[in-house]
C-alpha atoms as a PDB file:
ATOM      1  CA  UNK A   1      -0.142   0.062  -0.330  1.00  0.00           C
ATOM      2  CA  UNK A   2       2.781   2.408   1.028  1.00  0.00           C
ATOM      3  CA  UNK A   3       4.350   1.752  -2.511  1.00  0.00           C
ATOM      4  CA  UNK A   4       1.128   3.048  -4.293  1.00  0.00           C
ATOM      5  CA  UNK A   5       0.567   5.767  -2.040  1.00  0.00           C
ATOM      6  CA  UNK A   6       3.948   7.134  -3.323  1.00  0.00           C
ATOM      7  CA  UNK A   7       3.649   6.619  -6.425  1.00  0.00           C
ATOM      8  CA  UNK A   8       0.601   8.387  -6.322  1.00  0.00           C
ATOM      9  CA  UNK A   9       2.404  11.326  -4.962  1.00  0.00           C
ATOM     10  CA  UNK A  10       5.598  10.836  -7.519  1.00  0.00           C
ATOM     11  CA  UNK A  11       3.844  11.042 -10.668  1.00  0.00           C
ATOM     12  CA  UNK A  12       2.037  14.817 -10.027  1.00  0.00           C
ATOM     13  CA  UNK A  13       5.365  15.905  -8.814  1.00  0.00           C
ATOM     14  CA  UNK A  14       7.013  14.735 -11.689  1.00  0.00           C
ATOM     15  CA  UNK A  15       4.717  16.167 -14.064  1.00  0.00           C
ATOM     16  CA  UNK A  16       4.844  20.019 -11.823  1.00  0.00           C
ATOM     17  CA  UNK A  17       9.223  19.133 -12.305  1.00  0.00           C
ATOM     18  CA  UNK A  18       8.381  19.002 -16.184  1.00  0.00           C
ATOM     19  CA  UNK A  19       5.870  21.943 -16.111  1.00  0.00           C
ATOM     20  CA  UNK A  20       8.755  24.042 -14.255  1.00  0.00           C
ATOM     21  CA  UNK A  21      11.279  22.841 -17.209  1.00  0.00           C
ATOM     22  CA  UNK A  22       8.750  24.112 -19.810  1.00  0.00           C
ATOM     23  CA  UNK A  23       8.292  27.080 -18.406  1.00  0.00           C
ATOM     24  CA  UNK A  24      11.745  27.578 -18.195  1.00  0.00           C
ATOM     25  CA  UNK A  25      12.754  26.604 -21.262  1.00  0.00           C
ATOM     26  CA  UNK A  26       9.901  28.920 -22.581  1.00  0.00           C
ATOM     27  CA  UNK A  27      11.646  32.212 -20.695  1.00  0.00           C
ATOM     28  CA  UNK A  28      14.549  31.100 -22.795  1.00  0.00           C
ATOM     29  CA  UNK A  29      12.800  31.117 -26.294  1.00  0.00           C
ATOM     30  CA  UNK A  30      14.014  27.181 -26.499  1.00  0.00           C
ATOM     31  CA  UNK A  31      11.020  24.794 -27.969  1.00  0.00           C
ATOM     32  CA  UNK A  32      11.104  21.570 -26.682  1.00  0.00           C
ATOM     33  CA  UNK A  33      10.162  18.066 -28.255  1.00  0.00           C
ATOM     34  CA  UNK A  34       6.319  18.336 -28.403  1.00  0.00           C
ATOM     35  CA  UNK A  35       6.220  21.886 -29.499  1.00  0.00           C
ATOM     36  CA  UNK A  36       9.048  22.102 -32.390  1.00  0.00           C
ATOM     37  CA  UNK A  37       6.732  21.594 -35.032  1.00  0.00           C
ATOM     38  CA  UNK A  38       5.581  25.213 -34.388  1.00  0.00           C
ATOM     39  CA  UNK A  39       7.293  27.213 -36.489  1.00  0.00           C
ATOM     40  CA  UNK A  40       7.238  30.590 -35.325  1.00  0.00           C
ATOM     41  CA  UNK A  41       9.424  30.620 -32.017  1.00  0.00           C
ATOM     42  CA  UNK A  42       7.153  33.371 -30.169  1.00  0.00           C
ATOM     43  CA  UNK A  43       3.959  31.208 -30.595  1.00  0.00           C
ATOM     44  CA  UNK A  44       5.885  28.053 -29.811  1.00  0.00           C
ATOM     45  CA  UNK A  45       7.373  29.492 -26.814  1.00  0.00           C
ATOM     46  CA  UNK A  46       3.452  30.908 -25.742  1.00  0.00           C
ATOM     47  CA  UNK A  47       2.217  27.737 -26.091  1.00  0.00           C
ATOM     48  CA  UNK A  48       5.161  25.868 -24.628  1.00  0.00           C
ATOM     49  CA  UNK A  49       4.704  28.305 -21.648  1.00  0.00           C
ATOM     50  CA  UNK A  50       0.936  28.053 -20.820  1.00  0.00           C
ATOM     51  CA  UNK A  51       0.774  24.357 -20.569  1.00  0.00           C
ATOM     52  CA  UNK A  52       4.161  24.046 -18.807  1.00  0.00           C
ATOM     53  CA  UNK A  53       2.336  26.734 -16.528  1.00  0.00           C
ATOM     54  CA  UNK A  54      -0.621  24.292 -16.352  1.00  0.00           C
ATOM     55  CA  UNK A  55       1.510  21.287 -15.626  1.00  0.00           C
ATOM     56  CA  UNK A  56       3.246  23.122 -13.186  1.00  0.00           C
ATOM     57  CA  UNK A  57       0.209  24.290 -11.200  1.00  0.00           C
ATOM     58  CA  UNK A  58      -1.481  20.622 -11.582  1.00  0.00           C
ATOM     59  CA  UNK A  59       1.424  18.927 -10.127  1.00  0.00           C
ATOM     60  CA  UNK A  60       2.061  21.110  -7.156  1.00  0.00           C
ATOM     61  CA  UNK A  61      -1.465  21.603  -6.487  1.00  0.00           C
ATOM     62  CA  UNK A  62      -2.175  17.920  -6.355  1.00  0.00           C
ATOM     63  CA  UNK A  63       0.882  17.279  -3.855  1.00  0.00           C
ATOM     64  CA  UNK A  64      -0.313  20.342  -1.696  1.00  0.00           C
ATOM     65  CA  UNK A  65      -3.750  19.296  -1.803  1.00  0.00           C
ATOM     66  CA  UNK A  66      -2.360  15.688  -0.207  1.00  0.00           C
ATOM     67  CA  UNK A  67      -0.171  17.307   2.474  1.00  0.00           C
ATOM     68  CA  UNK A  68      -3.140  19.449   3.646  1.00  0.00           C
ATOM     69  CA  UNK A  69      -5.892  16.692   3.661  1.00  0.00           C
ATOM     70  CA  UNK A  70      -3.617  14.391   5.146  1.00  0.00           C
ATOM     71  CA  UNK A  71      -2.401  16.960   8.178  1.00  0.00           C
ATOM     72  CA  UNK A  72      -6.604  17.272   8.291  1.00  0.00           C
ATOM     73  CA  UNK A  73      -7.218  14.148   9.400  1.00  0.00           C
ATOM     74  CA  UNK A  74      -4.362  14.397  11.598  1.00  0.00           C
ATOM     75  CA  UNK A  75      -5.646  17.392  13.389  1.00  0.00           C
ATOM     76  CA  UNK A  76      -2.510  19.426  12.283  1.00  0.00           C
ATOM     77  CA  UNK A  77      -4.056  22.206  10.970  1.00  0.00           C
ATOM     78  CA  UNK A  78      -5.702  25.222  12.754  1.00  0.00           C
ATOM     79  CA  UNK A  79      -8.947  26.636  12.289  1.00  0.00           C
ATOM     80  CA  UNK A  80      -9.234  30.340  11.645  1.00  0.00           C
ATOM     81  CA  UNK A  81     -12.047  32.091  13.077  1.00  0.00           C
ATOM     82  CA  UNK A  82     -13.000  35.273  11.347  1.00  0.00           C
END
């Protein structure tokens, strides 16, 4: 069971890492493998950056949500009343 739980956390984490790599490459105007079919460097960089942002936010958000729910179950999260 622990191996399955570890895989559930590692796969979205790797997506987040790949998204950060795509963001970095688009910042320096380098097109990666799936986006080399686009002729315009600016359009490829914009599409690559958008896809990288979605992957990074999704991967980091999944791992953060998992940690938040785990801490909420064990009572480590404080409730803030406003």
